[in-house]
Protein backbone atom coordinates (compact mmCIF):
# COMPACT_ATOMS: atom_id res chain seq x y z
CA ARG A 1 84.13 119.82 121.38
CA GLU A 2 83.38 120.09 125.10
CA GLY A 3 86.98 120.67 126.18
CA ARG A 4 87.24 117.37 128.02
CA ALA A 5 87.45 113.63 127.42
CA ALA A 6 85.31 111.10 129.26
CA LEU A 7 86.01 107.38 129.53
CA PRO A 8 83.27 104.82 130.03
CA ALA A 9 85.42 102.91 132.55
CA ALA A 10 87.17 104.36 135.58
CA PRO A 11 90.87 105.22 135.17
CA GLY A 12 93.13 102.48 136.45
CA THR A 13 91.30 99.66 134.73
CA ALA A 14 93.12 97.10 132.63
CA ASP A 15 92.42 99.18 129.50
CA PHE A 16 94.80 102.01 130.40
CA ALA A 17 98.22 102.30 131.96
CA ALA A 18 100.47 105.32 132.35
CA THR A 19 103.96 106.07 133.55
CA ALA A 20 106.63 108.76 133.27
CA VAL A 21 110.05 108.15 131.72
CA ASP A 22 112.90 110.49 132.65
CA VAL A 23 116.01 111.42 130.70
CA ALA A 24 118.16 108.81 132.47
CA ASP A 25 115.71 106.01 131.61
CA THR A 26 115.45 107.27 128.03
CA SER A 27 119.24 107.21 127.60
CA ALA A 28 119.48 103.81 129.26
CA THR A 29 116.89 102.40 126.87
CA ILE A 30 118.68 103.80 123.81
CA ARG A 31 121.95 102.30 125.06
CA ALA A 32 120.45 98.90 125.94
CA VAL A 33 118.61 98.48 122.64
CA TYR A 34 121.75 99.38 120.70
CA ARG A 35 123.88 96.94 122.72
CA GLU A 36 121.33 94.13 122.54
CA HIS A 37 120.07 94.55 118.97
CA GLY A 38 122.34 97.00 117.14
CA TYR A 39 119.32 99.25 116.54
CA VAL A 40 119.61 103.01 117.13
CA LEU A 41 116.46 104.38 118.78
CA ASP A 42 115.37 107.99 118.74
CA PRO A 43 114.48 109.46 122.17
CA HIS A 44 110.71 109.51 121.54
CA THR A 45 110.65 105.84 120.66
CA ALA A 46 112.92 105.06 123.61
CA VAL A 47 110.38 106.70 125.94
CA GLY A 48 107.58 104.57 124.49
CA LEU A 49 109.60 101.38 124.73
CA ALA A 50 110.77 102.11 128.29
CA ALA A 51 107.17 102.76 129.32
CA ALA A 52 105.88 99.62 127.59
CA ARG A 53 108.50 97.48 129.31
CA ARG A 54 107.18 98.54 132.72
CA PHE A 55 103.84 96.83 132.21
CA PRO A 56 103.37 93.07 131.95
CA ALA A 57 102.11 91.86 128.60
CA THR A 58 100.61 88.49 127.76
CA GLY A 59 101.67 88.70 124.12
CA PRO A 60 104.18 90.54 121.98
CA THR A 61 104.71 94.26 122.46
CA VAL A 62 104.78 96.37 119.31
CA CYS A 63 106.51 99.73 119.50
CA LEU A 64 106.58 101.85 116.35
CA ALA A 65 109.48 104.25 115.83
CA THR A 66 108.26 107.82 115.81
CA ALA A 67 111.30 109.77 114.58
CA HIS A 68 114.74 109.31 113.10
CA PRO A 69 117.63 109.29 115.60
CA ALA A 70 119.44 111.87 113.44
CA LYS A 71 116.93 114.48 114.60
CA PHE A 72 118.48 114.16 118.07
CA PRO A 73 122.19 113.45 117.44
CA GLU A 74 123.54 114.83 120.71
CA ALA A 75 121.21 112.81 122.94
CA VAL A 76 121.50 109.60 120.93
CA ASP A 77 125.28 109.78 120.47
CA GLU A 78 125.74 110.47 124.18
CA ALA A 79 123.56 107.51 125.14
CA ILE A 80 125.38 105.13 122.80
CA GLY A 81 128.85 106.61 123.19
CA ALA A 82 129.50 106.89 119.46
CA PRO A 83 128.45 109.26 116.63
CA LEU A 84 125.79 106.99 115.11
CA ALA A 85 122.75 109.26 114.90
CA ARG A 86 123.27 110.43 111.35
CA HIS A 87 121.33 110.56 108.09
CA PRO A 88 122.92 111.51 104.75
CA ARG A 89 120.22 114.03 103.83
CA LEU A 90 120.49 115.82 107.18
CA GLU A 91 124.29 115.74 107.04
CA ALA A 92 124.14 117.42 103.61
CA LEU A 93 122.40 120.39 105.26
CA ARG A 94 125.22 121.04 107.76
CA GLY A 95 126.76 124.45 107.21
CA LYS A 96 124.01 125.61 104.87
CA PRO A 97 122.27 128.89 105.64
CA SER A 98 118.89 128.66 107.33
CA ARG A 99 115.89 130.77 106.44
CA THR A 100 113.13 131.80 108.79
CA THR A 101 109.91 133.69 108.23
CA VAL A 102 107.94 134.86 111.26
CA LEU A 103 104.19 134.85 110.67
CA PRO A 104 101.26 135.93 112.80
CA ALA A 105 99.54 133.02 114.50
CA SER A 106 96.54 132.96 112.20
CA LEU A 107 95.19 130.62 109.57
CA ASP A 108 94.96 133.44 107.02
CA ALA A 109 98.64 134.37 107.47
CA VAL A 110 99.82 130.77 107.07
CA ARG A 111 97.50 130.15 104.11
CA GLY A 112 98.64 133.36 102.42
CA PHE A 113 102.31 132.51 102.90
CA ILE A 114 101.83 129.06 101.41
CA GLU A 115 99.85 130.43 98.47
CA ARG A 116 102.55 133.01 97.73
CA HIS A 117 105.45 130.57 97.96
CA ALA A 118 104.14 127.20 96.76
CA THR A 119 105.06 126.10 93.27
CA ARG A 120 102.37 124.70 91.09
């Protein structure tokens, strides 16, 4: 509401930690998790996991996947070295025509489009 966020404690306390994860670290995390666990991470989740691993934890670390690897096949396949970032429903869309509608950036335009095209 005020265009800013205020924290009761000063930044840098034990409650908050921040880091940046670059493309190389993201790819390395995808590769390492696949080699160690056979699990294919998406890049967003790999960033979160790479960041979490930089900070000491006294208990378990929970990292929730945020996307499907098939949304980023080039990046994931390159990191792993094999074409593993696939999903049957996305694969079924390959070669199909795409449709795009450009709308003005307004709530009324989006609402009107949905009302005209939604099935009841």
